[in-house]
Amino acid sequence: MNPAVSVEELVEDQWTRYRDIRLAALESDGHAFGGNLDSERLFTESQWREKARQYIAVVAIVDEEDIGMMTIENLSGDFGATCWVGSCWVDREFRQHGALRALFGYLDLHAEHRDWATQGLGVWVDNDIAITAYEKLGFTQMGEKQESTRKPGMYYQRMLRKTVVN
């Protein structure tokens, strides 16, 4: 039996939780992100607070432990996206236990009043596991692959989905 997954939106004063889960994601699966573990470890409190103001951070929780996260940014993006999902990650120990679905369920639940109706994200073109997971959640690949500005020589695929209404 899978443990129950809850989801919580962090506020700026919870910047240490945001920092800790972000660094855990980079340490575990840094290849999947545009960020860099070594440089982000050096961020100051004010830099982490700035990130907490810039993005909406949502965490998946099991037994009072943060086991997954994603960030959401409102924008007018490619292919009509009204928000961009980033930093999406689930601890390896909790993959395939519903954490990713719970995170996107939270996004869907709040989509109407937060203007998250059309959700976009980018995923490295060689990350077949993530692409498959996103497709299972209703995302479709859009447009051509794009070269990363943060990691030249690497390419990402944009994906899009409409809010899932329950």
C-alpha atoms as a PDB file:
ATOM      1  CA  MET A   1       0.000   0.000   0.000  1.00  0.00           C
ATOM      2  CA  ASN A   2       1.319   3.429  -0.965  1.00  0.00           C
ATOM      3  CA  PRO A   3       1.569   6.077   1.739  1.00  0.00           C
ATOM      4  CA  ALA A   4      -0.844   9.022   1.513  1.00  0.00           C
ATOM      5  CA  VAL A   5       0.533  12.006  -0.380  1.00  0.00           C
ATOM      6  CA  SER A   6      -0.527  15.515   0.583  1.00  0.00           C
ATOM      7  CA  VAL A   7       0.405  18.737  -1.189  1.00  0.00           C
ATOM      8  CA  GLU A   8       1.236  22.140   0.252  1.00  0.00           C
ATOM      9  CA  GLU A   9       2.044  25.489  -1.300  1.00  0.00           C
ATOM     10  CA  LEU A  10       5.023  27.132   0.358  1.00  0.00           C
ATOM     11  CA  VAL A  11       5.240  30.805   1.303  1.00  0.00           C
ATOM     12  CA  GLU A  12       8.368  32.934   1.366  1.00  0.00           C
ATOM     13  CA  ASP A  13       9.036  32.335   5.068  1.00  0.00           C
ATOM     14  CA  GLN A  14       9.308  28.613   4.285  1.00  0.00           C
ATOM     15  CA  TRP A  15      12.304  29.300   2.058  1.00  0.00           C
ATOM     16  CA  THR A  16      14.416  26.702   3.913  1.00  0.00           C
ATOM     17  CA  ARG A  17      12.003  23.938   2.862  1.00  0.00           C
ATOM     18  CA  TYR A  18      12.146  25.220  -0.709  1.00  0.00           C
ATOM     19  CA  ARG A  19      15.947  25.293  -0.554  1.00  0.00           C
ATOM     20  CA  ASP A  20      16.216  21.823   0.964  1.00  0.00           C
ATOM     21  CA  ILE A  21      13.942  20.087  -1.539  1.00  0.00           C
ATOM     22  CA  ARG A  22      15.497  21.954  -4.478  1.00  0.00           C
ATOM     23  CA  LEU A  23      19.010  20.946  -3.396  1.00  0.00           C
ATOM     24  CA  ALA A  24      17.860  17.350  -2.837  1.00  0.00           C
ATOM     25  CA  ALA A  25      16.474  17.302  -6.385  1.00  0.00           C
ATOM     26  CA  LEU A  26      19.699  18.691  -7.825  1.00  0.00           C
ATOM     27  CA  GLU A  27      21.800  16.255  -5.812  1.00  0.00           C
ATOM     28  CA  SER A  28      19.719  13.251  -6.856  1.00  0.00           C
ATOM     29  CA  ASP A  29      18.901  14.139 -10.454  1.00  0.00           C
ATOM     30  CA  GLY A  30      20.880  17.264 -11.354  1.00  0.00           C
ATOM     31  CA  HIS A  31      21.085  16.149 -14.985  1.00  0.00           C
ATOM     32  CA  ALA A  32      17.323  16.723 -15.291  1.00  0.00           C
ATOM     33  CA  PHE A  33      17.452  20.409 -14.349  1.00  0.00           C
ATOM     34  CA  GLY A  34      18.731  23.644 -15.799  1.00  0.00           C
ATOM     35  CA  GLY A  35      20.187  24.639 -12.424  1.00  0.00           C
ATOM     36  CA  ASN A  36      23.533  23.748 -10.899  1.00  0.00           C
ATOM     37  CA  LEU A  37      23.973  22.117  -7.475  1.00  0.00           C
ATOM     38  CA  ASP A  38      27.346  23.695  -6.715  1.00  0.00           C
ATOM     39  CA  SER A  39      26.183  27.237  -7.434  1.00  0.00           C
ATOM     40  CA  GLU A  40      22.789  26.872  -5.743  1.00  0.00           C
ATOM     41  CA  ARG A  41      24.411  25.508  -2.584  1.00  0.00           C
ATOM     42  CA  LEU A  42      26.079  28.920  -2.294  1.00  0.00           C
ATOM     43  CA  PHE A  43      22.834  30.914  -2.486  1.00  0.00           C
ATOM     44  CA  THR A  44      22.202  33.214   0.458  1.00  0.00           C
ATOM     45  CA  GLU A  45      18.961  33.452   2.390  1.00  0.00           C
ATOM     46  CA  SER A  46      18.008  36.548   0.389  1.00  0.00           C
ATOM     47  CA  GLN A  47      18.566  34.664  -2.905  1.00  0.00           C
ATOM     48  CA  TRP A  48      16.361  31.782  -1.731  1.00  0.00           C
ATOM     49  CA  ARG A  49      13.691  34.229  -0.589  1.00  0.00           C
ATOM     50  CA  GLU A  50      13.830  35.914  -4.006  1.00  0.00           C
ATOM     51  CA  LYS A  51      13.249  32.552  -5.687  1.00  0.00           C
ATOM     52  CA  ALA A  52      10.352  31.911  -3.280  1.00  0.00           C
ATOM     53  CA  ARG A  53       8.797  35.218  -4.404  1.00  0.00           C
ATOM     54  CA  GLN A  54       9.476  34.585  -8.093  1.00  0.00           C
ATOM     55  CA  TYR A  55       7.884  31.138  -8.269  1.00  0.00           C
ATOM     56  CA  ILE A  56       5.022  29.396  -6.555  1.00  0.00           C
ATOM     57  CA  ALA A  57       6.604  26.351  -4.930  1.00  0.00           C
ATOM     58  CA  VAL A  58       4.411  23.338  -4.272  1.00  0.00           C
ATOM     59  CA  VAL A  59       5.661  20.301  -2.354  1.00  0.00           C
ATOM     60  CA  ALA A  60       4.412  16.735  -2.084  1.00  0.00           C
ATOM     61  CA  ILE A  61       4.545  15.383   1.452  1.00  0.00           C
ATOM     62  CA  VAL A  62       4.480  11.876   2.922  1.00  0.00           C
ATOM     63  CA  ASP A  63       4.572  11.384   6.685  1.00  0.00           C
ATOM     64  CA  GLU A  64       5.539  15.052   7.210  1.00  0.00           C
ATOM     65  CA  GLU A  65       8.536  14.723   4.851  1.00  0.00           C
ATOM     66  CA  ASP A  66       8.865  16.738   1.634  1.00  0.00           C
ATOM     67  CA  ILE A  67       9.309  14.112  -1.086  1.00  0.00           C
ATOM     68  CA  GLY A  68       8.571  16.038  -4.261  1.00  0.00           C
ATOM     69  CA  MET A  69       8.170  19.515  -5.673  1.00  0.00           C
ATOM     70  CA  MET A  70       7.366  21.721  -8.591  1.00  0.00           C
ATOM     71  CA  THR A  71       7.326  25.429  -9.256  1.00  0.00           C
ATOM     72  CA  ILE A  72       4.657  27.354 -11.127  1.00  0.00           C
ATOM     73  CA  GLU A  73       5.087  30.686 -12.832  1.00  0.00           C
ATOM     74  CA  ASN A  74       2.254  32.661 -14.395  1.00  0.00           C
ATOM     75  CA  LEU A  75       3.104  33.848 -17.901  1.00  0.00           C
ATOM     76  CA  SER A  76       1.860  34.230 -21.424  1.00  0.00           C
ATOM     77  CA  GLY A  77       3.915  31.537 -23.089  1.00  0.00           C
ATOM     78  CA  ASP A  78       4.317  29.546 -26.239  1.00  0.00           C
ATOM     79  CA  PHE A  79       1.283  27.747 -27.635  1.00  0.00           C
ATOM     80  CA  GLY A  80      -1.055  29.680 -25.334  1.00  0.00           C
ATOM     81  CA  ALA A  81       0.441  28.526 -22.029  1.00  0.00           C
ATOM     82  CA  THR A  82      -0.817  30.597 -19.080  1.00  0.00           C
ATOM     83  CA  CYS A  83       1.666  29.083 -16.644  1.00  0.00           C
ATOM     84  CA  TRP A  84       5.002  27.320 -16.751  1.00  0.00           C
ATOM     85  CA  VAL A  85       5.806  24.344 -14.555  1.00  0.00           C
ATOM     86  CA  GLY A  86       9.436  23.952 -13.545  1.00  0.00           C
ATOM     87  CA  SER A  87      11.670  22.114 -11.106  1.00  0.00           C
ATOM     88  CA  CYS A  88       9.342  19.131 -11.184  1.00  0.00           C
ATOM     89  CA  TRP A  89      10.852  16.303  -9.142  1.00  0.00           C
ATOM     90  CA  VAL A  90       9.908  13.350  -6.926  1.00  0.00           C
ATOM     91  CA  ASP A  91      12.328  11.489  -4.659  1.00  0.00           C
ATOM     92  CA  ARG A  92      13.249   8.140  -6.242  1.00  0.00           C
ATOM     93  CA  GLU A  93      11.925   6.250  -3.205  1.00  0.00           C
ATOM     94  CA  PHE A  94       8.435   7.686  -3.807  1.00  0.00           C
ATOM     95  CA  ARG A  95       8.162   7.486  -7.578  1.00  0.00           C
ATOM     96  CA  GLN A  96       5.124   5.639  -8.871  1.00  0.00           C
ATOM     97  CA  HIS A  97       3.284   6.296  -5.592  1.00  0.00           C
ATOM     98  CA  GLY A  98       1.105   9.150  -6.864  1.00  0.00           C
ATOM     99  CA  ALA A  99       3.249  12.130  -5.836  1.00  0.00           C
ATOM    100  CA  LEU A 100       3.536  13.593  -9.352  1.00  0.00           C
ATOM    101  CA  ARG A 101      -0.189  13.109  -9.912  1.00  0.00           C
ATOM    102  CA  ALA A 102      -0.886  14.806  -6.554  1.00  0.00           C
ATOM    103  CA  LEU A 103       1.261  17.819  -7.501  1.00  0.00           C
ATOM    104  CA  PHE A 104      -0.564  18.259 -10.795  1.00  0.00           C
ATOM    105  CA  GLY A 105      -3.877  17.618  -9.039  1.00  0.00           C
ATOM    106  CA  TYR A 106      -3.114  20.628  -6.853  1.00  0.00           C
ATOM    107  CA  LEU A 107      -2.334  22.689  -9.934  1.00  0.00           C
ATOM    108  CA  ASP A 108      -5.618  21.610 -11.552  1.00  0.00           C
ATOM    109  CA  LEU A 109      -7.618  22.296  -8.391  1.00  0.00           C
ATOM    110  CA  HIS A 110      -6.435  25.917  -8.331  1.00  0.00           C
ATOM    111  CA  ALA A 111      -6.195  26.475 -12.091  1.00  0.00           C
ATOM    112  CA  GLU A 112      -9.387  28.424 -12.636  1.00  0.00           C
ATOM    113  CA  HIS A 113      -8.786  31.223 -10.144  1.00  0.00           C
ATOM    114  CA  ARG A 114      -4.972  31.344 -10.609  1.00  0.00           C
ATOM    115  CA  ASP A 115      -4.940  31.391 -14.437  1.00  0.00           C
ATOM    116  CA  TRP A 116      -3.225  28.006 -14.752  1.00  0.00           C
ATOM    117  CA  ALA A 117      -5.640  26.633 -17.371  1.00  0.00           C
ATOM    118  CA  THR A 118      -3.009  25.923 -20.010  1.00  0.00           C
ATOM    119  CA  GLN A 119       0.109  24.432 -18.470  1.00  0.00           C
ATOM    120  CA  GLY A 120       3.477  24.344 -20.192  1.00  0.00           C
ATOM    121  CA  LEU A 121       6.776  22.773 -19.250  1.00  0.00           C
ATOM    122  CA  GLY A 122      10.106  21.844 -20.764  1.00  0.00           C
ATOM    123  CA  VAL A 123      11.812  18.481 -20.485  1.00  0.00           C
ATOM    124  CA  TRP A 124      15.201  17.366 -21.814  1.00  0.00           C
ATOM    125  CA  VAL A 125      14.646  15.468 -25.054  1.00  0.00           C
ATOM    126  CA  ASP A 126      16.565  12.436 -23.751  1.00  0.00           C
ATOM    127  CA  ASN A 127      14.544  12.149 -20.522  1.00  0.00           C
ATOM    128  CA  ASP A 128      12.167   9.454 -21.774  1.00  0.00           C
ATOM    129  CA  ILE A 129      10.934   8.568 -18.269  1.00  0.00           C
ATOM    130  CA  ALA A 130       9.792  12.140 -17.577  1.00  0.00           C
ATOM    131  CA  ILE A 131       8.270  12.541 -21.037  1.00  0.00           C
ATOM    132  CA  THR A 132       6.258   9.351 -20.541  1.00  0.00           C
ATOM    133  CA  ALA A 133       5.126  10.472 -17.068  1.00  0.00           C
ATOM    134  CA  TYR A 134       3.990  13.853 -18.413  1.00  0.00           C
ATOM    135  CA  GLU A 135       2.165  12.227 -21.328  1.00  0.00           C
ATOM    136  CA  LYS A 136       0.280  10.028 -18.833  1.00  0.00           C
ATOM    137  CA  LEU A 137      -0.852  13.267 -17.153  1.00  0.00           C
ATOM    138  CA  GLY A 138      -2.186  14.611 -20.460  1.00  0.00           C
ATOM    139  CA  PHE A 139       0.758  16.640 -21.763  1.00  0.00           C
ATOM    140  CA  THR A 140       1.543  16.629 -25.472  1.00  0.00           C
ATOM    141  CA  GLN A 141       4.762  17.636 -27.172  1.00  0.00           C
ATOM    142  CA  MET A 142       4.585  21.004 -28.885  1.00  0.00           C
ATOM    143  CA  GLY A 143       6.846  22.499 -31.515  1.00  0.00           C
ATOM    144  CA  GLU A 144      10.444  21.640 -32.233  1.00  0.00           C
ATOM    145  CA  LYS A 145      13.113  20.928 -29.649  1.00  0.00           C
ATOM    146  CA  GLN A 146      14.820  24.048 -28.294  1.00  0.00           C
ATOM    147  CA  GLU A 147      18.439  24.554 -27.279  1.00  0.00           C
ATOM    148  CA  SER A 148      18.907  25.454 -23.624  1.00  0.00           C
ATOM    149  CA  THR A 149      20.289  28.884 -22.829  1.00  0.00           C
ATOM    150  CA  ARG A 150      21.558  27.634 -19.442  1.00  0.00           C
ATOM    151  CA  LYS A 151      23.138  24.444 -20.775  1.00  0.00           C
ATOM    152  CA  PRO A 152      24.260  25.055 -24.372  1.00  0.00           C
ATOM    153  CA  GLY A 153      24.338  21.890 -26.434  1.00  0.00           C
ATOM    154  CA  MET A 154      21.388  20.390 -24.543  1.00  0.00           C
ATOM    155  CA  TYR A 155      17.884  20.452 -25.957  1.00  0.00           C
ATOM    156  CA  TYR A 156      14.484  20.461 -24.333  1.00  0.00           C
ATOM    157  CA  GLN A 157      11.023  19.686 -25.619  1.00  0.00           C
ATOM    158  CA  ARG A 158       8.091  21.926 -24.748  1.00  0.00           C
ATOM    159  CA  MET A 159       4.978  20.130 -23.600  1.00  0.00           C
ATOM    160  CA  LEU A 160       1.485  21.475 -22.973  1.00  0.00           C
ATOM    161  CA  ARG A 161      -1.766  20.393 -21.421  1.00  0.00           C
ATOM    162  CA  LYS A 162      -5.105  21.894 -20.494  1.00  0.00           C
ATOM    163  CA  THR A 163      -6.267  21.717 -16.899  1.00  0.00           C
ATOM    164  CA  VAL A 164      -7.842  18.410 -16.017  1.00  0.00           C
ATOM    165  CA  VAL A 165     -11.286  19.101 -14.569  1.00  0.00           C
ATOM    166  CA  ASN A 166     -12.488  16.568 -12.015  1.00  0.00           C
END
